[in-house]
């Protein structure tokens, strides 16, 4: 009886550990070329209205004007030029590439 109880406890502990290890991978959406490592993600948003879920936050690309990409993060709107970093709620965003139709960003928590 005790062995059965210990086996169940080990199984539950192993399952919980496996779920925790997968959290960083689930932190980013798989659409719009999102790639994450720990608490940092890169994403390419192409076309007006393109969306991605990054580190638990919804981002949307609203277009580019005069070399600045406009993004919404939740209720906040931000814009950035290529190479510029901006804060949007709990995320720090860097616009690594800005074109007329897309933006490539790096997002970090904090």
C-alpha atoms as a PDB file:
ATOM      1  CA  UNK A   1       0.000   0.000   0.000  1.00  0.00           C
ATOM      2  CA  UNK A   2       2.810   2.424   0.906  1.00  0.00           C
ATOM      3  CA  UNK A   3       4.661   1.642  -2.340  1.00  0.00           C
ATOM      4  CA  UNK A   4       1.537   2.416  -4.360  1.00  0.00           C
ATOM      5  CA  UNK A   5       1.155   5.741  -2.574  1.00  0.00           C
ATOM      6  CA  UNK A   6       4.808   6.636  -3.177  1.00  0.00           C
ATOM      7  CA  UNK A   7       4.487   5.732  -6.871  1.00  0.00           C
ATOM      8  CA  UNK A   8       1.475   8.016  -7.236  1.00  0.00           C
ATOM      9  CA  UNK A   9       3.317  10.860  -5.507  1.00  0.00           C
ATOM     10  CA  UNK A  10       6.330  10.423  -7.803  1.00  0.00           C
ATOM     11  CA  UNK A  11       4.073  10.313 -10.864  1.00  0.00           C
ATOM     12  CA  UNK A  12       2.279  13.502  -9.795  1.00  0.00           C
ATOM     13  CA  UNK A  13       5.589  15.239  -9.103  1.00  0.00           C
ATOM     14  CA  UNK A  14       6.991  14.178 -12.487  1.00  0.00           C
ATOM     15  CA  UNK A  15       3.849  15.340 -14.293  1.00  0.00           C
ATOM     16  CA  UNK A  16       3.951  18.725 -12.548  1.00  0.00           C
ATOM     17  CA  UNK A  17       7.637  19.146 -13.402  1.00  0.00           C
ATOM     18  CA  UNK A  18       6.949  18.328 -17.052  1.00  0.00           C
ATOM     19  CA  UNK A  19       4.181  20.911 -17.224  1.00  0.00           C
ATOM     20  CA  UNK A  20       6.431  23.567 -15.679  1.00  0.00           C
ATOM     21  CA  UNK A  21       9.169  22.809 -18.200  1.00  0.00           C
ATOM     22  CA  UNK A  22       6.717  23.318 -21.066  1.00  0.00           C
ATOM     23  CA  UNK A  23       5.407  26.712 -19.852  1.00  0.00           C
ATOM     24  CA  UNK A  24       8.026  28.827 -21.660  1.00  0.00           C
ATOM     25  CA  UNK A  25       7.119  27.072 -24.905  1.00  0.00           C
ATOM     26  CA  UNK A  26       3.427  27.743 -24.368  1.00  0.00           C
ATOM     27  CA  UNK A  27       4.095  31.388 -23.515  1.00  0.00           C
ATOM     28  CA  UNK A  28       4.200  32.358 -27.175  1.00  0.00           C
ATOM     29  CA  UNK A  29       1.660  31.923 -29.901  1.00  0.00           C
ATOM     30  CA  UNK A  30       2.628  29.803 -32.859  1.00  0.00           C
ATOM     31  CA  UNK A  31       1.222  32.168 -35.470  1.00  0.00           C
ATOM     32  CA  UNK A  32       3.125  34.970 -37.227  1.00  0.00           C
ATOM     33  CA  UNK A  33       6.527  33.321 -36.872  1.00  0.00           C
ATOM     34  CA  UNK A  34       6.752  33.577 -33.067  1.00  0.00           C
ATOM     35  CA  UNK A  35       9.806  32.015 -31.454  1.00  0.00           C
ATOM     36  CA  UNK A  36      10.563  32.075 -27.727  1.00  0.00           C
ATOM     37  CA  UNK A  37      13.424  31.272 -25.426  1.00  0.00           C
ATOM     38  CA  UNK A  38      12.666  31.736 -21.749  1.00  0.00           C
ATOM     39  CA  UNK A  39      11.057  35.153 -21.280  1.00  0.00           C
ATOM     40  CA  UNK A  40      12.204  36.574 -24.632  1.00  0.00           C
ATOM     41  CA  UNK A  41      10.317  36.139 -27.906  1.00  0.00           C
ATOM     42  CA  UNK A  42      10.767  37.291 -31.470  1.00  0.00           C
ATOM     43  CA  UNK A  43       7.868  37.645 -33.882  1.00  0.00           C
ATOM     44  CA  UNK A  44       7.207  38.870 -37.388  1.00  0.00           C
ATOM     45  CA  UNK A  45       3.799  40.468 -37.891  1.00  0.00           C
ATOM     46  CA  UNK A  46       2.900  40.887 -41.572  1.00  0.00           C
ATOM     47  CA  UNK A  47      -0.097  42.815 -42.873  1.00  0.00           C
ATOM     48  CA  UNK A  48      -2.425  45.243 -41.131  1.00  0.00           C
ATOM     49  CA  UNK A  49      -4.283  43.533 -38.314  1.00  0.00           C
ATOM     50  CA  UNK A  50      -1.750  40.690 -37.940  1.00  0.00           C
ATOM     51  CA  UNK A  51      -1.898  39.339 -34.398  1.00  0.00           C
ATOM     52  CA  UNK A  52       0.206  37.209 -32.082  1.00  0.00           C
ATOM     53  CA  UNK A  53       0.066  36.104 -28.482  1.00  0.00           C
ATOM     54  CA  UNK A  54       3.430  36.717 -26.857  1.00  0.00           C
ATOM     55  CA  UNK A  55       4.282  35.906 -23.241  1.00  0.00           C
ATOM     56  CA  UNK A  56       0.589  35.902 -22.378  1.00  0.00           C
ATOM     57  CA  UNK A  57      -0.166  39.239 -24.063  1.00  0.00           C
ATOM     58  CA  UNK A  58      -2.022  39.873 -27.315  1.00  0.00           C
ATOM     59  CA  UNK A  59      -0.196  42.047 -29.843  1.00  0.00           C
ATOM     60  CA  UNK A  60      -1.584  43.440 -33.080  1.00  0.00           C
ATOM     61  CA  UNK A  61       0.154  45.221 -35.945  1.00  0.00           C
ATOM     62  CA  UNK A  62      -1.777  48.293 -37.128  1.00  0.00           C
ATOM     63  CA  UNK A  63       0.507  49.284 -39.988  1.00  0.00           C
ATOM     64  CA  UNK A  64       3.487  51.490 -40.742  1.00  0.00           C
ATOM     65  CA  UNK A  65       3.693  55.219 -41.365  1.00  0.00           C
ATOM     66  CA  UNK A  66       6.850  57.266 -41.950  1.00  0.00           C
ATOM     67  CA  UNK A  67       9.044  54.302 -40.997  1.00  0.00           C
ATOM     68  CA  UNK A  68       7.272  53.716 -37.673  1.00  0.00           C
ATOM     69  CA  UNK A  69       5.319  50.556 -36.909  1.00  0.00           C
ATOM     70  CA  UNK A  70       2.181  50.916 -34.798  1.00  0.00           C
ATOM     71  CA  UNK A  71       1.369  48.056 -32.438  1.00  0.00           C
ATOM     72  CA  UNK A  72      -1.317  47.487 -29.860  1.00  0.00           C
ATOM     73  CA  UNK A  73      -0.588  45.498 -26.745  1.00  0.00           C
ATOM     74  CA  UNK A  74      -3.827  44.947 -24.871  1.00  0.00           C
ATOM     75  CA  UNK A  75      -5.332  48.438 -24.532  1.00  0.00           C
ATOM     76  CA  UNK A  76      -2.026  50.278 -25.120  1.00  0.00           C
ATOM     77  CA  UNK A  77      -0.891  51.599 -28.507  1.00  0.00           C
ATOM     78  CA  UNK A  78       2.794  52.138 -29.196  1.00  0.00           C
ATOM     79  CA  UNK A  79       4.897  52.944 -32.228  1.00  0.00           C
ATOM     80  CA  UNK A  80       8.553  52.375 -32.916  1.00  0.00           C
ATOM     81  CA  UNK A  81      11.095  52.857 -35.658  1.00  0.00           C
ATOM     82  CA  UNK A  82      13.611  50.208 -36.674  1.00  0.00           C
ATOM     83  CA  UNK A  83      16.063  49.633 -33.810  1.00  0.00           C
ATOM     84  CA  UNK A  84      13.928  51.522 -31.285  1.00  0.00           C
ATOM     85  CA  UNK A  85      12.712  50.017 -27.991  1.00  0.00           C
ATOM     86  CA  UNK A  86       9.438  50.932 -26.296  1.00  0.00           C
ATOM     87  CA  UNK A  87       7.538  49.776 -23.211  1.00  0.00           C
ATOM     88  CA  UNK A  88       4.029  48.418 -23.548  1.00  0.00           C
ATOM     89  CA  UNK A  89       2.602  47.372 -20.210  1.00  0.00           C
ATOM     90  CA  UNK A  90       4.796  44.603 -18.794  1.00  0.00           C
ATOM     91  CA  UNK A  91       6.571  44.061 -22.123  1.00  0.00           C
ATOM     92  CA  UNK A  92       9.660  45.730 -23.512  1.00  0.00           C
ATOM     93  CA  UNK A  93       9.470  45.700 -27.311  1.00  0.00           C
ATOM     94  CA  UNK A  94      12.276  46.311 -29.789  1.00  0.00           C
ATOM     95  CA  UNK A  95      11.372  46.842 -33.430  1.00  0.00           C
ATOM     96  CA  UNK A  96      14.264  45.076 -35.103  1.00  0.00           C
ATOM     97  CA  UNK A  97      12.959  45.426 -38.676  1.00  0.00           C
ATOM     98  CA  UNK A  98      10.232  47.740 -39.953  1.00  0.00           C
ATOM     99  CA  UNK A  99       8.941  47.606 -43.542  1.00  0.00           C
ATOM    100  CA  UNK A 100       5.859  49.089 -45.212  1.00  0.00           C
ATOM    101  CA  UNK A 101       3.904  45.884 -44.601  1.00  0.00           C
ATOM    102  CA  UNK A 102       5.499  44.167 -41.595  1.00  0.00           C
ATOM    103  CA  UNK A 103       7.397  44.507 -38.359  1.00  0.00           C
ATOM    104  CA  UNK A 104       9.814  42.118 -36.684  1.00  0.00           C
ATOM    105  CA  UNK A 105       9.922  42.562 -32.918  1.00  0.00           C
ATOM    106  CA  UNK A 106      11.746  41.206 -29.913  1.00  0.00           C
ATOM    107  CA  UNK A 107       9.622  41.151 -26.762  1.00  0.00           C
ATOM    108  CA  UNK A 108      10.865  40.716 -23.202  1.00  0.00           C
ATOM    109  CA  UNK A 109       9.065  40.707 -19.892  1.00  0.00           C
ATOM    110  CA  UNK A 110      10.032  43.643 -17.681  1.00  0.00           C
END
